[in-house]
């Protein structure tokens, strides 16, 4: 796999997408998460946006599973600085 400047890699545990369905039948899935991601934002802001959407959908349910989200944004300037 090769990465380009600004590419994002998103890792999440199944607690983010399983066992949550709100009263309207809405739930998070990987397609939904890909629509939340914005490559102009930094990794932390993307992570917060995913968690915020999760919380919007899961207002009444108790969290019974682990919930982990990791967003990595590839920044070539850091890698270039290491090799210079």
C-alpha atoms as a PDB file:
ATOM      1  CA  UNK A   1       0.000   0.000   0.000  1.00  0.00           C
ATOM      2  CA  UNK A   2       1.362   3.398  -0.858  1.00  0.00           C
ATOM      3  CA  UNK A   3       0.213   6.604   0.783  1.00  0.00           C
ATOM      4  CA  UNK A   4       0.021  10.079  -0.626  1.00  0.00           C
ATOM      5  CA  UNK A   5       0.132  13.409   1.154  1.00  0.00           C
ATOM      6  CA  UNK A   6      -3.075  13.938   3.142  1.00  0.00           C
ATOM      7  CA  UNK A   7      -4.301  10.321   2.915  1.00  0.00           C
ATOM      8  CA  UNK A   8      -6.220   9.094   5.922  1.00  0.00           C
ATOM      9  CA  UNK A   9      -6.221   5.653   7.482  1.00  0.00           C
ATOM     10  CA  UNK A  10      -9.102   4.926   9.859  1.00  0.00           C
ATOM     11  CA  UNK A  11      -9.128   2.018  12.285  1.00  0.00           C
ATOM     12  CA  UNK A  12     -12.058   1.249  14.552  1.00  0.00           C
ATOM     13  CA  UNK A  13     -13.271  -1.587  16.707  1.00  0.00           C
ATOM     14  CA  UNK A  14     -16.548  -3.356  16.110  1.00  0.00           C
ATOM     15  CA  UNK A  15     -18.104  -1.497  19.058  1.00  0.00           C
ATOM     16  CA  UNK A  16     -18.426   1.529  16.794  1.00  0.00           C
ATOM     17  CA  UNK A  17     -20.540  -0.201  14.165  1.00  0.00           C
ATOM     18  CA  UNK A  18     -22.197  -3.173  15.884  1.00  0.00           C
ATOM     19  CA  UNK A  19     -25.043  -3.342  18.375  1.00  0.00           C
ATOM     20  CA  UNK A  20     -26.224   0.225  17.868  1.00  0.00           C
ATOM     21  CA  UNK A  21     -29.395   1.089  16.065  1.00  0.00           C
ATOM     22  CA  UNK A  22     -31.342   4.132  17.115  1.00  0.00           C
ATOM     23  CA  UNK A  23     -35.110   4.493  17.188  1.00  0.00           C
ATOM     24  CA  UNK A  24     -35.193   5.427  13.494  1.00  0.00           C
ATOM     25  CA  UNK A  25     -33.174   2.347  12.538  1.00  0.00           C
ATOM     26  CA  UNK A  26     -30.035   4.359  11.790  1.00  0.00           C
ATOM     27  CA  UNK A  27     -26.624   2.969  12.633  1.00  0.00           C
ATOM     28  CA  UNK A  28     -23.014   3.563  11.742  1.00  0.00           C
ATOM     29  CA  UNK A  29     -21.269   1.445   9.152  1.00  0.00           C
ATOM     30  CA  UNK A  30     -18.023   1.811   7.230  1.00  0.00           C
ATOM     31  CA  UNK A  31     -19.797   3.564   4.342  1.00  0.00           C
ATOM     32  CA  UNK A  32     -21.288   6.102   6.752  1.00  0.00           C
ATOM     33  CA  UNK A  33     -17.899   6.637   8.398  1.00  0.00           C
ATOM     34  CA  UNK A  34     -16.271   7.287   5.016  1.00  0.00           C
ATOM     35  CA  UNK A  35     -18.818  10.074   4.426  1.00  0.00           C
ATOM     36  CA  UNK A  36     -17.961  11.650   7.794  1.00  0.00           C
ATOM     37  CA  UNK A  37     -14.247  11.767   7.010  1.00  0.00           C
ATOM     38  CA  UNK A  38     -12.992  15.052   5.598  1.00  0.00           C
ATOM     39  CA  UNK A  39      -9.437  15.052   4.252  1.00  0.00           C
ATOM     40  CA  UNK A  40      -9.117  18.798   4.880  1.00  0.00           C
ATOM     41  CA  UNK A  41      -9.408  18.215   8.648  1.00  0.00           C
ATOM     42  CA  UNK A  42      -6.648  16.864  10.815  1.00  0.00           C
ATOM     43  CA  UNK A  43      -6.769  13.346  12.262  1.00  0.00           C
ATOM     44  CA  UNK A  44      -8.001  14.443  15.709  1.00  0.00           C
ATOM     45  CA  UNK A  45     -10.906  16.440  14.249  1.00  0.00           C
ATOM     46  CA  UNK A  46     -11.925  13.496  12.065  1.00  0.00           C
ATOM     47  CA  UNK A  47     -11.838  11.202  15.081  1.00  0.00           C
ATOM     48  CA  UNK A  48     -13.998  13.631  17.053  1.00  0.00           C
ATOM     49  CA  UNK A  49     -16.473  13.872  14.156  1.00  0.00           C
ATOM     50  CA  UNK A  50     -16.863  10.086  14.088  1.00  0.00           C
ATOM     51  CA  UNK A  51     -17.380   9.891  17.864  1.00  0.00           C
ATOM     52  CA  UNK A  52     -19.828  12.822  17.761  1.00  0.00           C
ATOM     53  CA  UNK A  53     -21.917  11.058  15.111  1.00  0.00           C
ATOM     54  CA  UNK A  54     -21.828   7.853  17.143  1.00  0.00           C
ATOM     55  CA  UNK A  55     -23.079   9.762  20.187  1.00  0.00           C
ATOM     56  CA  UNK A  56     -25.874  11.385  18.147  1.00  0.00           C
ATOM     57  CA  UNK A  57     -27.116   7.974  17.078  1.00  0.00           C
ATOM     58  CA  UNK A  58     -26.619   6.308  20.444  1.00  0.00           C
ATOM     59  CA  UNK A  59     -28.270   8.805  22.800  1.00  0.00           C
ATOM     60  CA  UNK A  60     -30.312   6.310  24.789  1.00  0.00           C
ATOM     61  CA  UNK A  61     -28.255   3.118  24.641  1.00  0.00           C
ATOM     62  CA  UNK A  62     -25.608   2.060  27.138  1.00  0.00           C
ATOM     63  CA  UNK A  63     -22.207   1.331  25.651  1.00  0.00           C
ATOM     64  CA  UNK A  64     -21.670  -2.399  26.181  1.00  0.00           C
ATOM     65  CA  UNK A  65     -18.775  -2.972  23.790  1.00  0.00           C
ATOM     66  CA  UNK A  66     -15.386  -1.327  23.472  1.00  0.00           C
ATOM     67  CA  UNK A  67     -15.239   1.802  21.352  1.00  0.00           C
ATOM     68  CA  UNK A  68     -11.919   2.656  19.765  1.00  0.00           C
ATOM     69  CA  UNK A  69     -11.263   4.962  16.821  1.00  0.00           C
ATOM     70  CA  UNK A  70      -7.816   5.735  15.440  1.00  0.00           C
ATOM     71  CA  UNK A  71      -7.342   8.144  12.548  1.00  0.00           C
ATOM     72  CA  UNK A  72      -3.921   8.615  10.953  1.00  0.00           C
ATOM     73  CA  UNK A  73      -3.270  11.374   8.441  1.00  0.00           C
ATOM     74  CA  UNK A  74      -0.179  10.868   6.279  1.00  0.00           C
ATOM     75  CA  UNK A  75       2.050  13.932   6.315  1.00  0.00           C
ATOM     76  CA  UNK A  76       4.958  13.706   3.907  1.00  0.00           C
ATOM     77  CA  UNK A  77       6.675  16.767   5.403  1.00  0.00           C
ATOM     78  CA  UNK A  78       7.477  14.839   8.572  1.00  0.00           C
ATOM     79  CA  UNK A  79       8.903  11.900   6.625  1.00  0.00           C
ATOM     80  CA  UNK A  80      10.869  14.245   4.373  1.00  0.00           C
ATOM     81  CA  UNK A  81      12.353  15.995   7.383  1.00  0.00           C
ATOM     82  CA  UNK A  82      13.579  12.673   8.792  1.00  0.00           C
ATOM     83  CA  UNK A  83      15.406  11.729   5.594  1.00  0.00           C
ATOM     84  CA  UNK A  84      16.897  15.178   4.925  1.00  0.00           C
END
